[in-house]
């Protein structure tokens, strides 16, 4: 089993379509100096790690890159850069992404929040921060961030999907999850890369009395 990332989460029924999603995605490399704002998945399970560092997914879920030497080296490099320029937005996001990939969600929260204090317009940052809050036991805060990201950026399907998962599995709100899925279905055909929703719809149906 996963550790429960929002979406790492969810159960075996959602695994199939995420494996397909992973196969179709390229890896993002976010090394110091590179842009930190392109995130193909924003917390979606089965996607490559945020830092772009390849790692084998455990049982098909969110990449567990804990103790990965390259990620640890990248974190060390970013610490040095942030010591010189603590308000560098890109480096803060890169550091948050690296801590996320290392499964240190508390540290990732801190860096994402510092980045948001500088600029708060990225749906990817809001969504990945939401995953961190979900992982550290605050699904309501996670949902607020997912909703904000989706409201400000309607094309950002990852935030809408994460909202559906948290509503269903953390807040026991299958009706709310169904509404999120309906919004996702409306985006299909105009927004690329939305995964098959059949597994999630089936779980919603199972949990709806």
Foldseek 3Di string as FASTA:
>chain_A
DDLDQLALHDDDLVQVQLCVLQVPDAFDAQAPPDALQDAPAQRHWSHAQSNRDDADCDVRTHGACAPPVVLVVRLVVLVVVCVVVVQDLSSLSNNLSSCVNNVVLVSSLVSLVSSVVVPPQGLSSLSNNLSSCVSVPNNVSSLVSLVVSCVNPVLNLNSLQSNLSCCVPPVVNLVRSVVSVVSVVVCPPPHPSDTDCVSVVVSSVVSDD
